[in-house]
Each structure stands twice: as structure tokens, then as C-alpha cells.
Amino acid sequence: YGQKYDKDYIINNLLSYIAPETFLPIMYRVFE
């Protein structure tokens, strides 16, 4: 159900939860 949210919203929430670890999403895509 990731199509309901913007990419920045999902990535920023994940980064905030796993801080101080960071990551760069590779080939972010929305399918269906």
C-alpha cells in the first residue's frame, strides 16, 4: 500500500526509525 504515500514520506520515516543508520534507496518504484 505504498502507493498511498510519497517517496520522501516513506524514506524519511524509515530513516528516522533506524537512525543513526542511513541508506540510499536504489531504483524506487511504485507498482500497482
ModelCIF file with pLDDT and N, C-alpha, C, O atoms, coordinates in Angstrom:
data_MODEL
#
_entry.id   MODEL 
#
_entity.id                         1 
_entity.type                       polymer 
_entity.pdbx_number_of_molecules   1 
#
_entity_poly.entity_id                      1 
_entity_poly.type                           'polypeptide(L)' 
_entity_poly.nstd_linkage                   no 
_entity_poly.nstd_monomer                   no 
_entity_poly.pdbx_seq_one_letter_code       YGQKYDKDYIINNLLSYIAPETFLPIMYRVFE 
_entity_poly.pdbx_seq_one_letter_code_can   YGQKYDKDYIINNLLSYIAPETFLPIMYRVFE 
_entity_poly.pdbx_strand_id                 A 
#
loop_
_entity_poly_seq.entity_id 
_entity_poly_seq.num 
_entity_poly_seq.mon_id 
_entity_poly_seq.hetero 
1 1  TYR n 
1 2  GLY n 
1 3  GLN n 
1 4  LYS n 
1 5  TYR n 
1 6  ASP n 
1 7  LYS n 
1 8  ASP n 
1 9  TYR n 
1 10 ILE n 
1 11 ILE n 
1 12 ASN n 
1 13 ASN n 
1 14 LEU n 
1 15 LEU n 
1 16 SER n 
1 17 TYR n 
1 18 ILE n 
1 19 ALA n 
1 20 PRO n 
1 21 GLU n 
1 22 THR n 
1 23 PHE n 
1 24 LEU n 
1 25 PRO n 
1 26 ILE n 
1 27 MET n 
1 28 TYR n 
1 29 ARG n 
1 30 VAL n 
1 31 PHE n 
1 32 GLU n 
#
_struct_asym.id          A 
_struct_asym.entity_id   1 
#
loop_
_ma_qa_metric.id 
_ma_qa_metric.mode 
_ma_qa_metric.name 
_ma_qa_metric.software_group_id 
_ma_qa_metric.type 
1 global pLDDT . pLDDT 
2 local  pLDDT . pLDDT 
#
_ma_qa_metric_global.metric_id      1 
_ma_qa_metric_global.metric_value   93.94 
_ma_qa_metric_global.model_id       1 
_ma_qa_metric_global.ordinal_id     1 
#
loop_
_ma_qa_metric_local.label_asym_id 
_ma_qa_metric_local.label_comp_id 
_ma_qa_metric_local.label_seq_id 
_ma_qa_metric_local.metric_id 
_ma_qa_metric_local.metric_value 
_ma_qa_metric_local.model_id 
_ma_qa_metric_local.ordinal_id 
A TYR 1  2 93.00 1 1  
A GLY 2  2 93.00 1 2  
A GLN 3  2 93.00 1 3  
A LYS 4  2 93.00 1 4  
A TYR 5  2 94.00 1 5  
A ASP 6  2 94.00 1 6  
A LYS 7  2 95.00 1 7  
A ASP 8  2 95.00 1 8  
A TYR 9  2 96.00 1 9  
A ILE 10 2 96.00 1 10 
A ILE 11 2 96.00 1 11 
A ASN 12 2 96.00 1 12 
A ASN 13 2 96.00 1 13 
A LEU 14 2 96.00 1 14 
A LEU 15 2 96.00 1 15 
A SER 16 2 95.00 1 16 
A TYR 17 2 95.00 1 17 
A ILE 18 2 95.00 1 18 
A ALA 19 2 94.00 1 19 
A PRO 20 2 94.00 1 20 
A GLU 21 2 93.00 1 21 
A THR 22 2 94.00 1 22 
A PHE 23 2 93.00 1 23 
A LEU 24 2 92.00 1 24 
A PRO 25 2 94.00 1 25 
A ILE 26 2 92.00 1 26 
A MET 27 2 92.00 1 27 
A TYR 28 2 94.00 1 28 
A ARG 29 2 93.00 1 29 
A VAL 30 2 94.00 1 30 
A PHE 31 2 90.00 1 31 
A GLU 32 2 90.00 1 32 
#
loop_
_atom_site.group_PDB 
_atom_site.id 
_atom_site.type_symbol 
_atom_site.label_atom_id 
_atom_site.label_alt_id 
_atom_site.label_comp_id 
_atom_site.label_asym_id 
_atom_site.label_entity_id 
_atom_site.label_seq_id 
_atom_site.pdbx_PDB_ins_code 
_atom_site.Cartn_x 
_atom_site.Cartn_y 
_atom_site.Cartn_z 
_atom_site.occupancy 
_atom_site.B_iso_or_equiv 
_atom_site.pdbx_formal_charge 
_atom_site.auth_seq_id 
_atom_site.auth_comp_id 
_atom_site.auth_asym_id 
_atom_site.auth_atom_id 
_atom_site.pdbx_PDB_model_num 
ATOM 1   N N  . TYR A 1 1  ? 0.832  -1.219 0.000  1.00 93.00 ? 1  TYR A N  1 
ATOM 2   C CA . TYR A 1 1  ? 0.000  0.000  0.000  1.00 93.00 ? 1  TYR A CA 1 
ATOM 3   C C  . TYR A 1 1  ? 0.866  1.269  0.000  1.00 93.00 ? 1  TYR A C  1 
ATOM 4   O O  . TYR A 1 1  ? 0.446  2.328  0.466  1.00 93.00 ? 1  TYR A O  1 
ATOM 5   N N  . GLY A 1 2  ? 2.079  1.130  -0.534 1.00 93.00 ? 2  GLY A N  1 
ATOM 6   C CA . GLY A 1 2  ? 2.979  2.276  -0.589 1.00 93.00 ? 2  GLY A CA 1 
ATOM 7   C C  . GLY A 1 2  ? 2.569  3.328  -1.590 1.00 93.00 ? 2  GLY A C  1 
ATOM 8   O O  . GLY A 1 2  ? 3.113  4.432  -1.584 1.00 93.00 ? 2  GLY A O  1 
ATOM 9   N N  . GLN A 1 3  ? 1.606  3.002  -2.465 1.00 93.00 ? 3  GLN A N  1 
ATOM 10  C CA . GLN A 1 3  ? 1.168  3.989  -3.442 1.00 93.00 ? 3  GLN A CA 1 
ATOM 11  C C  . GLN A 1 3  ? 0.399  5.135  -2.784 1.00 93.00 ? 3  GLN A C  1 
ATOM 12  O O  . GLN A 1 3  ? 0.182  6.173  -3.408 1.00 93.00 ? 3  GLN A O  1 
ATOM 13  N N  . LYS A 1 4  ? -0.013 4.954  -1.532 1.00 93.00 ? 4  LYS A N  1 
ATOM 14  C CA . LYS A 1 4  ? -0.783 5.989  -0.849 1.00 93.00 ? 4  LYS A CA 1 
ATOM 15  C C  . LYS A 1 4  ? 0.098  7.121  -0.327 1.00 93.00 ? 4  LYS A C  1 
ATOM 16  O O  . LYS A 1 4  ? -0.409 8.179  0.044  1.00 93.00 ? 4  LYS A O  1 
ATOM 17  N N  . TYR A 1 5  ? 1.407  6.906  -0.296 1.00 94.00 ? 5  TYR A N  1 
ATOM 18  C CA . TYR A 1 5  ? 2.303  7.874  0.323  1.00 94.00 ? 5  TYR A CA 1 
ATOM 19  C C  . TYR A 1 5  ? 3.368  8.306  -0.680 1.00 94.00 ? 5  TYR A C  1 
ATOM 20  O O  . TYR A 1 5  ? 3.678  7.588  -1.631 1.00 94.00 ? 5  TYR A O  1 
ATOM 21  N N  . ASP A 1 6  ? 3.913  9.484  -0.448 1.00 94.00 ? 6  ASP A N  1 
ATOM 22  C CA . ASP A 1 6  ? 5.000  9.979  -1.277 1.00 94.00 ? 6  ASP A CA 1 
ATOM 23  C C  . ASP A 1 6  ? 6.298  9.260  -0.928 1.00 94.00 ? 6  ASP A C  1 
ATOM 24  O O  . ASP A 1 6  ? 6.459  8.727  0.170  1.00 94.00 ? 6  ASP A O  1 
ATOM 25  N N  . LYS A 1 7  ? 7.209  9.259  -1.880 1.00 95.00 ? 7  LYS A N  1 
ATOM 26  C CA . LYS A 1 7  ? 8.502  8.614  -1.663 1.00 95.00 ? 7  LYS A CA 1 
ATOM 27  C C  . LYS A 1 7  ? 9.245  9.248  -0.488 1.00 95.00 ? 7  LYS A C  1 
ATOM 28  O O  . LYS A 1 7  ? 9.779  8.535  0.361  1.00 95.00 ? 7  LYS A O  1 
ATOM 29  N N  . ASP A 1 8  ? 9.283  10.569 -0.432 1.00 95.00 ? 8  ASP A N  1 
ATOM 30  C CA . ASP A 1 8  ? 10.005 11.247 0.646  1.00 95.00 ? 8  ASP A CA 1 
ATOM 31  C C  . ASP A 1 8  ? 9.393  10.926 2.004  1.00 95.00 ? 8  ASP A C  1 
ATOM 32  O O  . ASP A 1 8  ? 10.111 10.800 2.996  1.00 95.00 ? 8  ASP A O  1 
ATOM 33  N N  . TYR A 1 9  ? 8.076  10.794 2.053  1.00 96.00 ? 9  TYR A N  1 
ATOM 34  C CA . TYR A 1 9  ? 7.418  10.498 3.325  1.00 96.00 ? 9  TYR A CA 1 
ATOM 35  C C  . TYR A 1 9  ? 7.833  9.121  3.839  1.00 96.00 ? 9  TYR A C  1 
ATOM 36  O O  . TYR A 1 9  ? 8.119  8.966  5.026  1.00 96.00 ? 9  TYR A O  1 
ATOM 37  N N  . ILE A 1 10 ? 7.869  8.118  2.957  1.00 96.00 ? 10 ILE A N  1 
ATOM 38  C CA . ILE A 1 10 ? 8.240  6.765  3.371  1.00 96.00 ? 10 ILE A CA 1 
ATOM 39  C C  . ILE A 1 10 ? 9.714  6.694  3.753  1.00 96.00 ? 10 ILE A C  1 
ATOM 40  O O  . ILE A 1 10 ? 10.061 6.151  4.802  1.00 96.00 ? 10 ILE A O  1 
ATOM 41  N N  . ILE A 1 11 ? 10.579 7.239  2.906  1.00 96.00 ? 11 ILE A N  1 
ATOM 42  C CA . ILE A 1 11 ? 12.020 7.151  3.161  1.00 96.00 ? 11 ILE A CA 1 
ATOM 43  C C  . ILE A 1 11 ? 12.394 7.914  4.426  1.00 96.00 ? 11 ILE A C  1 
ATOM 44  O O  . ILE A 1 11 ? 13.194 7.426  5.224  1.00 96.00 ? 11 ILE A O  1 
ATOM 45  N N  . ASN A 1 12 ? 11.831 9.097  4.621  1.00 96.00 ? 12 ASN A N  1 
ATOM 46  C CA . ASN A 1 12 ? 12.177 9.888  5.814  1.00 96.00 ? 12 ASN A CA 1 
ATOM 47  C C  . ASN A 1 12 ? 11.719 9.191  7.091  1.00 96.00 ? 12 ASN A C  1 
ATOM 48  O O  . ASN A 1 12 ? 12.418 9.245  8.102  1.00 96.00 ? 12 ASN A O  1 
ATOM 49  N N  . ASN A 1 13 ? 10.562 8.542  7.062  1.00 96.00 ? 13 ASN A N  1 
ATOM 50  C CA . ASN A 1 13 ? 10.107 7.816  8.245  1.00 96.00 ? 13 ASN A CA 1 
ATOM 51  C C  . ASN A 1 13 ? 11.004 6.621  8.544  1.00 96.00 ? 13 ASN A C  1 
ATOM 52  O O  . ASN A 1 13 ? 11.300 6.340  9.705  1.00 96.00 ? 13 ASN A O  1 
ATOM 53  N N  . LEU A 1 14 ? 11.434 5.922  7.508  1.00 96.00 ? 14 LEU A N  1 
ATOM 54  C CA . LEU A 1 14 ? 12.331 4.791  7.720  1.00 96.00 ? 14 LEU A CA 1 
ATOM 55  C C  . LEU A 1 14 ? 13.694 5.251  8.231  1.00 96.00 ? 14 LEU A C  1 
ATOM 56  O O  . LEU A 1 14 ? 14.275 4.612  9.109  1.00 96.00 ? 14 LEU A O  1 
ATOM 57  N N  . LEU A 1 15 ? 14.200 6.344  7.691  1.00 96.00 ? 15 LEU A N  1 
ATOM 58  C CA . LEU A 1 15 ? 15.488 6.860  8.150  1.00 96.00 ? 15 LEU A CA 1 
ATOM 59  C C  . LEU A 1 15 ? 15.413 7.317  9.601  1.00 96.00 ? 15 LEU A C  1 
ATOM 60  O O  . LEU A 1 15 ? 16.361 7.131  10.364 1.00 96.00 ? 15 LEU A O  1 
ATOM 61  N N  . SER A 1 16 ? 14.288 7.913  9.981  1.00 95.00 ? 16 SER A N  1 
ATOM 62  C CA . SER A 1 16 ? 14.139 8.375  11.366 1.00 95.00 ? 16 SER A CA 1 
ATOM 63  C C  . SER A 1 16 ? 14.082 7.197  12.333 1.00 95.00 ? 16 SER A C  1 
ATOM 64  O O  . SER A 1 16 ? 14.574 7.292  13.458 1.00 95.00 ? 16 SER A O  1 
ATOM 65  N N  . TYR A 1 17 ? 13.490 6.100  11.905 1.00 95.00 ? 17 TYR A N  1 
ATOM 66  C CA . TYR A 1 17 ? 13.339 4.961  12.801 1.00 95.00 ? 17 TYR A CA 1 
ATOM 67  C C  . TYR A 1 17 ? 14.658 4.214  13.000 1.00 95.00 ? 17 TYR A C  1 
ATOM 68  O O  . TYR A 1 17 ? 14.947 3.758  14.106 1.00 95.00 ? 17 TYR A O  1 
ATOM 69  N N  . ILE A 1 18 ? 15.462 4.083  11.937 1.00 95.00 ? 18 ILE A N  1 
ATOM 70  C CA . ILE A 1 18 ? 16.703 3.312  12.047 1.00 95.00 ? 18 ILE A CA 1 
ATOM 71  C C  . ILE A 1 18 ? 17.908 4.185  12.359 1.00 95.00 ? 18 ILE A C  1 
ATOM 72  O O  . ILE A 1 18 ? 19.037 3.692  12.357 1.00 95.00 ? 18 ILE A O  1 
ATOM 73  N N  . ALA A 1 19 ? 17.695 5.480  12.629 1.00 94.00 ? 19 ALA A N  1 
ATOM 74  C CA . ALA A 1 19 ? 18.816 6.381  12.938 1.00 94.00 ? 19 ALA A CA 1 
ATOM 75  C C  . ALA A 1 19 ? 19.635 5.806  14.096 1.00 94.00 ? 19 ALA A C  1 
ATOM 76  O O  . ALA A 1 19 ? 19.060 5.235  15.023 1.00 94.00 ? 19 ALA A O  1 
ATOM 77  N N  . PRO A 1 20 ? 20.956 5.941  14.064 1.00 94.00 ? 20 PRO A N  1 
ATOM 78  C CA . PRO A 1 20 ? 21.769 6.762  13.162 1.00 94.00 ? 20 PRO A CA 1 
ATOM 79  C C  . PRO A 1 20 ? 22.157 6.085  11.851 1.00 94.00 ? 20 PRO A C  1 
ATOM 80  O O  . PRO A 1 20 ? 22.923 6.655  11.075 1.00 94.00 ? 20 PRO A O  1 
ATOM 81  N N  . GLU A 1 21 ? 21.646 4.882  11.586 1.00 93.00 ? 21 GLU A N  1 
ATOM 82  C CA . GLU A 1 21 ? 21.943 4.226  10.310 1.00 93.00 ? 21 GLU A CA 1 
ATOM 83  C C  . GLU A 1 21 ? 21.273 4.979  9.167  1.00 93.00 ? 21 GLU A C  1 
ATOM 84  O O  . GLU A 1 21 ? 20.185 5.535  9.321  1.00 93.00 ? 21 GLU A O  1 
ATOM 85  N N  . THR A 1 22 ? 21.938 4.984  8.029  1.00 94.00 ? 22 THR A N  1 
ATOM 86  C CA . THR A 1 22 ? 21.400 5.664  6.844  1.00 94.00 ? 22 THR A CA 1 
ATOM 87  C C  . THR A 1 22 ? 21.481 4.709  5.649  1.00 94.00 ? 22 THR A C  1 
ATOM 88  O O  . THR A 1 22 ? 22.245 3.744  5.655  1.00 94.00 ? 22 THR A O  1 
ATOM 89  N N  . PHE A 1 23 ? 20.694 4.996  4.651  1.00 93.00 ? 23 PHE A N  1 
ATOM 90  C CA . PHE A 1 23 ? 20.714 4.207  3.427  1.00 93.00 ? 23 PHE A CA 1 
ATOM 91  C C  . PHE A 1 23 ? 20.218 5.064  2.277  1.00 93.00 ? 23 PHE A C  1 
ATOM 92  O O  . PHE A 1 23 ? 19.571 6.094  2.467  1.00 93.00 ? 23 PHE A O  1 
ATOM 93  N N  . LEU A 1 24 ? 20.542 4.604  1.085  1.00 92.00 ? 24 LEU A N  1 
ATOM 94  C CA . LEU A 1 24 ? 20.083 5.255  -0.135 1.00 92.00 ? 24 LEU A CA 1 
ATOM 95  C C  . LEU A 1 24 ? 19.222 4.268  -0.904 1.00 92.00 ? 24 LEU A C  1 
ATOM 96  O O  . LEU A 1 24 ? 19.719 3.222  -1.321 1.00 92.00 ? 24 LEU A O  1 
ATOM 97  N N  . PRO A 1 25 ? 17.942 4.571  -1.104 1.00 94.00 ? 25 PRO A N  1 
ATOM 98  C CA . PRO A 1 25 ? 17.083 3.645  -1.852 1.00 94.00 ? 25 PRO A CA 1 
ATOM 99  C C  . PRO A 1 25 ? 17.486 3.592  -3.326 1.00 94.00 ? 25 PRO A C  1 
ATOM 100 O O  . PRO A 1 25 ? 17.618 4.625  -3.984 1.00 94.00 ? 25 PRO A O  1 
ATOM 101 N N  . ILE A 1 26 ? 17.676 2.397  -3.822 1.00 92.00 ? 26 ILE A N  1 
ATOM 102 C CA . ILE A 1 26 ? 18.085 2.204  -5.209 1.00 92.00 ? 26 ILE A CA 1 
ATOM 103 C C  . ILE A 1 26 ? 16.867 1.804  -6.022 1.00 92.00 ? 26 ILE A C  1 
ATOM 104 O O  . ILE A 1 26 ? 16.169 0.847  -5.687 1.00 92.00 ? 26 ILE A O  1 
ATOM 105 N N  . MET A 1 27 ? 16.619 2.538  -7.083 1.00 92.00 ? 27 MET A N  1 
ATOM 106 C CA . MET A 1 27 ? 15.522 2.273  -8.015 1.00 92.00 ? 27 MET A CA 1 
ATOM 107 C C  . MET A 1 27 ? 14.181 2.197  -7.286 1.00 92.00 ? 27 MET A C  1 
ATOM 108 O O  . MET A 1 27 ? 13.534 1.150  -7.277 1.00 92.00 ? 27 MET A O  1 
ATOM 109 N N  . TYR A 1 28 ? 13.776 3.279  -6.692 1.00 94.00 ? 28 TYR A N  1 
ATOM 110 C CA . TYR A 1 28 ? 12.473 3.347  -6.018 1.00 94.00 ? 28 TYR A CA 1 
ATOM 111 C C  . TYR A 1 28 ? 11.379 3.332  -7.084 1.00 94.00 ? 28 TYR A C  1 
ATOM 112 O O  . TYR A 1 28 ? 11.354 4.173  -7.982 1.00 94.00 ? 28 TYR A O  1 
ATOM 113 N N  . ARG A 1 29 ? 10.484 2.366  -6.966 1.00 93.00 ? 29 ARG A N  1 
ATOM 114 C CA . ARG A 1 29 ? 9.409  2.216  -7.942 1.00 93.00 ? 29 ARG A CA 1 
ATOM 115 C C  . ARG A 1 29 ? 8.100  1.930  -7.221 1.00 93.00 ? 29 ARG A C  1 
ATOM 116 O O  . ARG A 1 29 ? 8.092  1.360  -6.129 1.00 93.00 ? 29 ARG A O  1 
ATOM 117 N N  . VAL A 1 30 ? 6.997  2.328  -7.838 1.00 94.00 ? 30 VAL A N  1 
ATOM 118 C CA . VAL A 1 30 ? 5.656  2.019  -7.348 1.00 94.00 ? 30 VAL A CA 1 
ATOM 119 C C  . VAL A 1 30 ? 4.981  1.173  -8.415 1.00 94.00 ? 30 VAL A C  1 
ATOM 120 O O  . VAL A 1 30 ? 4.783  1.615  -9.546 1.00 94.00 ? 30 VAL A O  1 
ATOM 121 N N  . PHE A 1 31 ? 4.633  -0.045 -8.038 1.00 90.00 ? 31 PHE A N  1 
ATOM 122 C CA . PHE A 1 31 ? 3.976  -0.978 -8.959 1.00 90.00 ? 31 PHE A CA 1 
ATOM 123 C C  . PHE A 1 31 ? 2.645  -1.376 -8.351 1.00 90.00 ? 31 PHE A C  1 
ATOM 124 O O  . PHE A 1 31 ? 2.588  -1.999 -7.291 1.00 90.00 ? 31 PHE A O  1 
ATOM 125 N N  . GLU A 1 32 ? 1.568  -1.003 -9.044 1.00 90.00 ? 32 GLU A N  1 
ATOM 126 C CA . GLU A 1 32 ? 0.197  -1.223 -8.562 1.00 90.00 ? 32 GLU A CA 1 
ATOM 127 C C  . GLU A 1 32 ? 0.039  -0.566 -7.192 1.00 90.00 ? 32 GLU A C  1 
ATOM 128 O O  . GLU A 1 32 ? -1.038 -0.627 -6.599 1.00 90.00 ? 32 GLU A O  1 
#
